[in-house]
Amino acid sequence: MSYDRPLLSELKSATVARLQLLGAVFMGLWSIEIIDFLVFGGRLNGYGIRPRSLDGLWGIPLAPLLHGDFRHLVANTVPLLTLSWWVMMRSMGTWIKATILITLVGGAGTWLLARGGSVHIGASGLVFGYLGFLLGRGYYERTMVAIAIALFVLVTYGAMFWGVLPNQPGISWESHLFGFISGIVAAYWLTSKPDIISDR
């Protein structure tokens, strides 16, 4: 039917835009890691979050772009892109705002409270932030779609919660924890709340 074409065209355009943005994220992360490996010999990793160090403040926006090695990047790539897609289902603007909030709030929490003498890098803080955002949105929005996405993400990625515990040496559980908390905060700030109906 002809009246369906504008809607289908809009959905197609939105899907293409999401895929292009995710492709740019993929290319950006992998380009940085390749350049760091070939040109800098891994020295860019020193620009991660250094807790309670003034120089380490630069790591708050930079840490999600840096990875210890290609294995580290591979481990983060699939969940980062997958969860990003689900966040983008609301809108591209929501994804952008959530990404900024998770990066800044989660990074600030890591900078303030993580172990001293450490450097925290990797996009896993964002991954946990998106997880927290999607679960938080299901709780705060309480629509069928938001709850369904939250349940799907919980079943698919629920095992990730072990990552917020200090049980693996060399893993920044602090980034995971504060990323997750910041995702819930972002969901509270960015999600439309249901109307409260009183019988009084």
C-alpha atoms as a PDB file:
ATOM      1  CA  MET A   1       0.000   0.000   0.000  1.00  0.00           C
ATOM      2  CA  SER A   2       1.287   3.409  -0.932  1.00  0.00           C
ATOM      3  CA  TYR A   3       0.704   4.997   2.475  1.00  0.00           C
ATOM      4  CA  ASP A   4       3.182   2.546   4.037  1.00  0.00           C
ATOM      5  CA  ARG A   5       6.089   3.617   1.873  1.00  0.00           C
ATOM      6  CA  PRO A   6       7.104   6.731   3.863  1.00  0.00           C
ATOM      7  CA  LEU A   7       7.249   4.686   7.061  1.00  0.00           C
ATOM      8  CA  LEU A   8       9.275   1.909   5.433  1.00  0.00           C
ATOM      9  CA  SER A   9      11.600   4.469   3.882  1.00  0.00           C
ATOM     10  CA  GLU A  10      12.083   6.148   7.267  1.00  0.00           C
ATOM     11  CA  LEU A  11      12.822   2.819   8.964  1.00  0.00           C
ATOM     12  CA  LYS A  12      15.302   1.900   6.238  1.00  0.00           C
ATOM     13  CA  SER A  13      17.060   5.262   6.520  1.00  0.00           C
ATOM     14  CA  ALA A  14      17.272   4.944  10.321  1.00  0.00           C
ATOM     15  CA  THR A  15      18.696   1.432  10.047  1.00  0.00           C
ATOM     16  CA  VAL A  16      21.292   2.523   7.506  1.00  0.00           C
ATOM     17  CA  ALA A  17      22.293   5.467   9.718  1.00  0.00           C
ATOM     18  CA  ARG A  18      22.723   3.172  12.745  1.00  0.00           C
ATOM     19  CA  LEU A  19      24.827   0.723  10.765  1.00  0.00           C
ATOM     20  CA  GLN A  20      26.991   3.535   9.418  1.00  0.00           C
ATOM     21  CA  LEU A  21      27.587   4.902  12.909  1.00  0.00           C
ATOM     22  CA  LEU A  22      28.412   1.465  14.298  1.00  0.00           C
ATOM     23  CA  GLY A  23      30.753   0.926  11.363  1.00  0.00           C
ATOM     24  CA  ALA A  24      32.489   4.206  12.171  1.00  0.00           C
ATOM     25  CA  VAL A  25      32.850   3.136  15.825  1.00  0.00           C
ATOM     26  CA  PHE A  26      34.305  -0.211  14.730  1.00  0.00           C
ATOM     27  CA  MET A  27      36.754   1.378  12.299  1.00  0.00           C
ATOM     28  CA  GLY A  28      37.766   4.020  14.827  1.00  0.00           C
ATOM     29  CA  LEU A  29      38.552   1.571  17.632  1.00  0.00           C
ATOM     30  CA  TRP A  30      40.438  -0.822  15.391  1.00  0.00           C
ATOM     31  CA  SER A  31      42.366   1.960  13.643  1.00  0.00           C
ATOM     32  CA  ILE A  32      43.521   3.345  16.984  1.00  0.00           C
ATOM     33  CA  GLU A  33      44.666  -0.098  18.167  1.00  0.00           C
ATOM     34  CA  ILE A  34      46.502  -0.829  14.899  1.00  0.00           C
ATOM     35  CA  ILE A  35      48.243   2.556  15.000  1.00  0.00           C
ATOM     36  CA  ASP A  36      49.141   2.083  18.665  1.00  0.00           C
ATOM     37  CA  PHE A  37      50.595  -1.351  17.895  1.00  0.00           C
ATOM     38  CA  LEU A  38      52.511  -0.424  14.734  1.00  0.00           C
ATOM     39  CA  VAL A  39      53.591   3.136  15.496  1.00  0.00           C
ATOM     40  CA  PHE A  40      53.613   3.639  19.266  1.00  0.00           C
ATOM     41  CA  GLY A  41      54.325   0.118  20.503  1.00  0.00           C
ATOM     42  CA  GLY A  42      51.416   0.219  22.932  1.00  0.00           C
ATOM     43  CA  ARG A  43      52.491   3.482  24.574  1.00  0.00           C
ATOM     44  CA  LEU A  44      49.110   5.109  23.997  1.00  0.00           C
ATOM     45  CA  ASN A  45      47.739   2.880  26.750  1.00  0.00           C
ATOM     46  CA  GLY A  46      49.515   5.121  29.238  1.00  0.00           C
ATOM     47  CA  TYR A  47      46.844   7.742  28.525  1.00  0.00           C
ATOM     48  CA  GLY A  48      44.151   5.740  30.302  1.00  0.00           C
ATOM     49  CA  ILE A  49      42.515   6.685  33.594  1.00  0.00           C
ATOM     50  CA  ARG A  50      45.074   7.106  36.387  1.00  0.00           C
ATOM     51  CA  PRO A  51      43.081   7.336  39.635  1.00  0.00           C
ATOM     52  CA  ARG A  52      43.441  10.611  41.531  1.00  0.00           C
ATOM     53  CA  SER A  53      46.183  11.861  39.219  1.00  0.00           C
ATOM     54  CA  LEU A  54      45.695  15.170  37.422  1.00  0.00           C
ATOM     55  CA  ASP A  55      47.302  13.709  34.294  1.00  0.00           C
ATOM     56  CA  GLY A  56      44.925  10.789  34.611  1.00  0.00           C
ATOM     57  CA  LEU A  57      41.908  13.043  34.048  1.00  0.00           C
ATOM     58  CA  TRP A  58      42.647  12.908  30.323  1.00  0.00           C
ATOM     59  CA  GLY A  59      41.960   9.205  30.549  1.00  0.00           C
ATOM     60  CA  ILE A  60      38.268   9.748  31.296  1.00  0.00           C
ATOM     61  CA  PRO A  61      37.378  10.509  27.646  1.00  0.00           C
ATOM     62  CA  LEU A  62      40.308   8.538  26.177  1.00  0.00           C
ATOM     63  CA  ALA A  63      40.133   5.240  28.078  1.00  0.00           C
ATOM     64  CA  PRO A  64      37.244   3.729  26.037  1.00  0.00           C
ATOM     65  CA  LEU A  65      39.313   4.197  22.873  1.00  0.00           C
ATOM     66  CA  LEU A  66      42.378   2.325  24.176  1.00  0.00           C
ATOM     67  CA  HIS A  67      42.932  -1.418  24.597  1.00  0.00           C
ATOM     68  CA  GLY A  68      45.756  -3.496  25.992  1.00  0.00           C
ATOM     69  CA  ASP A  69      46.023  -5.675  22.878  1.00  0.00           C
ATOM     70  CA  PHE A  70      43.934  -7.038  20.025  1.00  0.00           C
ATOM     71  CA  ARG A  71      42.540  -9.810  22.203  1.00  0.00           C
ATOM     72  CA  HIS A  72      41.228  -7.185  24.607  1.00  0.00           C
ATOM     73  CA  LEU A  73      39.663  -5.252  21.730  1.00  0.00           C
ATOM     74  CA  VAL A  74      38.066  -8.371  20.229  1.00  0.00           C
ATOM     75  CA  ALA A  75      36.484  -9.198  23.593  1.00  0.00           C
ATOM     76  CA  ASN A  76      34.894  -5.730  23.742  1.00  0.00           C
ATOM     77  CA  THR A  77      33.914  -5.239  20.105  1.00  0.00           C
ATOM     78  CA  VAL A  78      30.913  -7.572  19.774  1.00  0.00           C
ATOM     79  CA  PRO A  79      29.108  -6.645  23.033  1.00  0.00           C
ATOM     80  CA  LEU A  80      29.863  -2.953  22.443  1.00  0.00           C
ATOM     81  CA  LEU A  81      28.300  -2.949  18.978  1.00  0.00           C
ATOM     82  CA  THR A  82      25.401  -5.213  19.969  1.00  0.00           C
ATOM     83  CA  LEU A  83      24.391  -3.230  23.043  1.00  0.00           C
ATOM     84  CA  SER A  84      24.930   0.035  21.151  1.00  0.00           C
ATOM     85  CA  TRP A  85      22.403  -1.162  18.593  1.00  0.00           C
ATOM     86  CA  TRP A  86      19.777  -1.784  21.282  1.00  0.00           C
ATOM     87  CA  VAL A  87      20.412   1.645  22.821  1.00  0.00           C
ATOM     88  CA  MET A  88      20.066   3.216  19.360  1.00  0.00           C
ATOM     89  CA  MET A  89      16.646   1.613  18.915  1.00  0.00           C
ATOM     90  CA  ARG A  90      15.176   4.575  20.802  1.00  0.00           C
ATOM     91  CA  SER A  91      17.069   7.188  18.810  1.00  0.00           C
ATOM     92  CA  MET A  92      20.564   8.149  17.718  1.00  0.00           C
ATOM     93  CA  GLY A  93      20.386  11.133  20.055  1.00  0.00           C
ATOM     94  CA  THR A  94      19.692   8.848  23.008  1.00  0.00           C
ATOM     95  CA  TRP A  95      22.768   6.764  22.158  1.00  0.00           C
ATOM     96  CA  ILE A  96      24.968   9.851  21.867  1.00  0.00           C
ATOM     97  CA  LYS A  97      23.752  11.319  25.168  1.00  0.00           C
ATOM     98  CA  ALA A  98      23.996   7.964  26.971  1.00  0.00           C
ATOM     99  CA  THR A  99      27.521   7.409  25.635  1.00  0.00           C
ATOM    100  CA  ILE A 100      28.680  10.825  26.833  1.00  0.00           C
ATOM    101  CA  LEU A 101      27.088  10.414  30.273  1.00  0.00           C
ATOM    102  CA  ILE A 102      28.444   6.888  30.775  1.00  0.00           C
ATOM    103  CA  THR A 103      31.922   7.916  29.648  1.00  0.00           C
ATOM    104  CA  LEU A 104      32.090  10.973  31.906  1.00  0.00           C
ATOM    105  CA  VAL A 105      30.233   9.716  34.986  1.00  0.00           C
ATOM    106  CA  GLY A 106      31.683   6.197  34.892  1.00  0.00           C
ATOM    107  CA  GLY A 107      35.155   7.525  34.139  1.00  0.00           C
ATOM    108  CA  ALA A 108      34.929  10.048  36.960  1.00  0.00           C
ATOM    109  CA  GLY A 109      33.896   7.308  39.393  1.00  0.00           C
ATOM    110  CA  THR A 110      36.862   5.194  38.305  1.00  0.00           C
ATOM    111  CA  TRP A 111      39.220   8.164  38.617  1.00  0.00           C
ATOM    112  CA  LEU A 112      37.983   8.979  42.112  1.00  0.00           C
ATOM    113  CA  LEU A 113      37.677   5.524  43.673  1.00  0.00           C
ATOM    114  CA  ALA A 114      39.712   2.932  41.749  1.00  0.00           C
ATOM    115  CA  ARG A 115      42.950   1.403  42.980  1.00  0.00           C
ATOM    116  CA  GLY A 116      45.907   3.743  43.120  1.00  0.00           C
ATOM    117  CA  GLY A 117      48.950   3.112  40.940  1.00  0.00           C
ATOM    118  CA  SER A 118      46.830   1.602  38.159  1.00  0.00           C
ATOM    119  CA  VAL A 119      45.856   2.571  34.608  1.00  0.00           C
ATOM    120  CA  HIS A 120      42.348   1.760  33.393  1.00  0.00           C
ATOM    121  CA  ILE A 121      41.659   1.368  29.668  1.00  0.00           C
ATOM    122  CA  GLY A 122      39.129  -0.292  27.393  1.00  0.00           C
ATOM    123  CA  ALA A 123      35.574   0.077  26.147  1.00  0.00           C
ATOM    124  CA  SER A 124      34.236  -2.405  28.695  1.00  0.00           C
ATOM    125  CA  GLY A 125      33.130   0.486  30.911  1.00  0.00           C
ATOM    126  CA  LEU A 126      30.855   1.550  28.059  1.00  0.00           C
ATOM    127  CA  VAL A 127      29.683  -2.031  27.563  1.00  0.00           C
ATOM    128  CA  PHE A 128      28.624  -2.278  31.204  1.00  0.00           C
ATOM    129  CA  GLY A 129      27.171   1.223  30.965  1.00  0.00           C
ATOM    130  CA  TYR A 130      24.945   0.246  28.034  1.00  0.00           C
ATOM    131  CA  LEU A 131      23.899  -2.869  29.942  1.00  0.00           C
ATOM    132  CA  GLY A 132      22.932  -0.736  32.943  1.00  0.00           C
ATOM    133  CA  PHE A 133      21.169   1.755  30.676  1.00  0.00           C
ATOM    134  CA  LEU A 134      19.005  -0.874  28.967  1.00  0.00           C
ATOM    135  CA  LEU A 135      18.076  -2.532  32.254  1.00  0.00           C
ATOM    136  CA  GLY A 136      17.416   0.845  33.862  1.00  0.00           C
ATOM    137  CA  ARG A 137      15.289   1.983  30.945  1.00  0.00           C
ATOM    138  CA  GLY A 138      13.121  -1.105  31.296  1.00  0.00           C
ATOM    139  CA  TYR A 139      12.572  -0.251  34.950  1.00  0.00           C
ATOM    140  CA  TYR A 140      12.030   3.489  34.579  1.00  0.00           C
ATOM    141  CA  GLU A 141      10.037   3.491  31.331  1.00  0.00           C
ATOM    142  CA  ARG A 142       7.978   0.356  31.970  1.00  0.00           C
ATOM    143  CA  THR A 143       6.698  -0.046  28.435  1.00  0.00           C
ATOM    144  CA  MET A 144       6.396  -3.487  26.872  1.00  0.00           C
ATOM    145  CA  VAL A 145       9.177  -2.792  24.382  1.00  0.00           C
ATOM    146  CA  ALA A 146      11.613  -1.440  26.989  1.00  0.00           C
ATOM    147  CA  ILE A 147      10.902  -4.324  29.374  1.00  0.00           C
ATOM    148  CA  ALA A 148      11.263  -6.907  26.579  1.00  0.00           C
ATOM    149  CA  ILE A 149      14.636  -5.453  25.557  1.00  0.00           C
ATOM    150  CA  ALA A 150      15.769  -5.362  29.199  1.00  0.00           C
ATOM    151  CA  LEU A 151      14.819  -9.023  29.704  1.00  0.00           C
ATOM    152  CA  PHE A 152      16.516 -10.059  26.456  1.00  0.00           C
ATOM    153  CA  VAL A 153      19.703  -8.218  27.408  1.00  0.00           C
ATOM    154  CA  LEU A 154      19.600  -9.646  30.934  1.00  0.00           C
ATOM    155  CA  VAL A 155      19.309 -13.217  29.638  1.00  0.00           C
ATOM    156  CA  THR A 156      21.942 -12.698  26.933  1.00  0.00           C
ATOM    157  CA  TYR A 157      24.506 -10.730  28.923  1.00  0.00           C
ATOM    158  CA  GLY A 158      23.606 -11.496  32.535  1.00  0.00           C
ATOM    159  CA  ALA A 159      26.840 -13.434  33.059  1.00  0.00           C
ATOM    160  CA  MET A 160      28.703 -10.153  32.645  1.00  0.00           C
ATOM    161  CA  PHE A 161      27.747  -9.187  36.195  1.00  0.00           C
ATOM    162  CA  TRP A 162      30.687 -11.254  37.440  1.00  0.00           C
ATOM    163  CA  GLY A 163      32.848  -8.537  35.885  1.00  0.00           C
ATOM    164  CA  VAL A 164      31.906  -6.018  38.566  1.00  0.00           C
ATOM    165  CA  LEU A 165      33.542  -8.162  41.254  1.00  0.00           C
ATOM    166  CA  PRO A 166      37.261  -7.865  42.131  1.00  0.00           C
ATOM    167  CA  ASN A 167      37.966 -11.497  41.292  1.00  0.00           C
ATOM    168  CA  GLN A 168      40.171 -11.274  38.189  1.00  0.00           C
ATOM    169  CA  PRO A 169      43.675  -9.796  38.277  1.00  0.00           C
ATOM    170  CA  GLY A 170      44.412  -7.379  35.487  1.00  0.00           C
ATOM    171  CA  ILE A 171      40.704  -6.630  34.898  1.00  0.00           C
ATOM    172  CA  SER A 172      39.332  -3.189  35.706  1.00  0.00           C
ATOM    173  CA  TRP A 173      36.318  -4.230  37.715  1.00  0.00           C
ATOM    174  CA  GLU A 174      36.078  -0.623  38.860  1.00  0.00           C
ATOM    175  CA  SER A 175      35.437   0.537  35.277  1.00  0.00           C
ATOM    176  CA  HIS A 176      32.819  -2.175  34.953  1.00  0.00           C
ATOM    177  CA  LEU A 177      31.101  -1.256  38.206  1.00  0.00           C
ATOM    178  CA  PHE A 178      31.073   2.497  37.690  1.00  0.00           C
ATOM    179  CA  GLY A 179      30.152   2.044  34.030  1.00  0.00           C
ATOM    180  CA  PHE A 180      27.126  -0.016  35.062  1.00  0.00           C
ATOM    181  CA  ILE A 181      26.094   2.502  37.718  1.00  0.00           C
ATOM    182  CA  SER A 182      26.486   5.391  35.288  1.00  0.00           C
ATOM    183  CA  GLY A 183      24.315   3.526  32.770  1.00  0.00           C
ATOM    184  CA  ILE A 184      21.514   3.332  35.317  1.00  0.00           C
ATOM    185  CA  VAL A 185      21.974   7.045  36.065  1.00  0.00           C
ATOM    186  CA  ALA A 186      21.833   7.808  32.324  1.00  0.00           C
ATOM    187  CA  ALA A 187      18.626   5.768  32.014  1.00  0.00           C
ATOM    188  CA  TYR A 188      17.061   7.787  34.836  1.00  0.00           C
ATOM    189  CA  TRP A 189      18.006  11.081  33.214  1.00  0.00           C
ATOM    190  CA  LEU A 190      17.130  10.168  29.633  1.00  0.00           C
ATOM    191  CA  THR A 191      14.086   7.931  29.949  1.00  0.00           C
ATOM    192  CA  SER A 192      10.526   9.214  29.797  1.00  0.00           C
ATOM    193  CA  LYS A 193       8.885   8.336  33.091  1.00  0.00           C
ATOM    194  CA  PRO A 194       5.375   6.828  33.128  1.00  0.00           C
ATOM    195  CA  ASP A 195       2.557   9.086  34.253  1.00  0.00           C
ATOM    196  CA  ILE A 196       1.597   8.650  37.893  1.00  0.00           C
ATOM    197  CA  ILE A 197      -2.148   8.374  38.303  1.00  0.00           C
ATOM    198  CA  SER A 198      -3.592   9.029  41.724  1.00  0.00           C
ATOM    199  CA  ASP A 199      -7.095   8.048  42.830  1.00  0.00           C
ATOM    200  CA  ARG A 200      -7.223  10.904  45.319  1.00  0.00           C
END
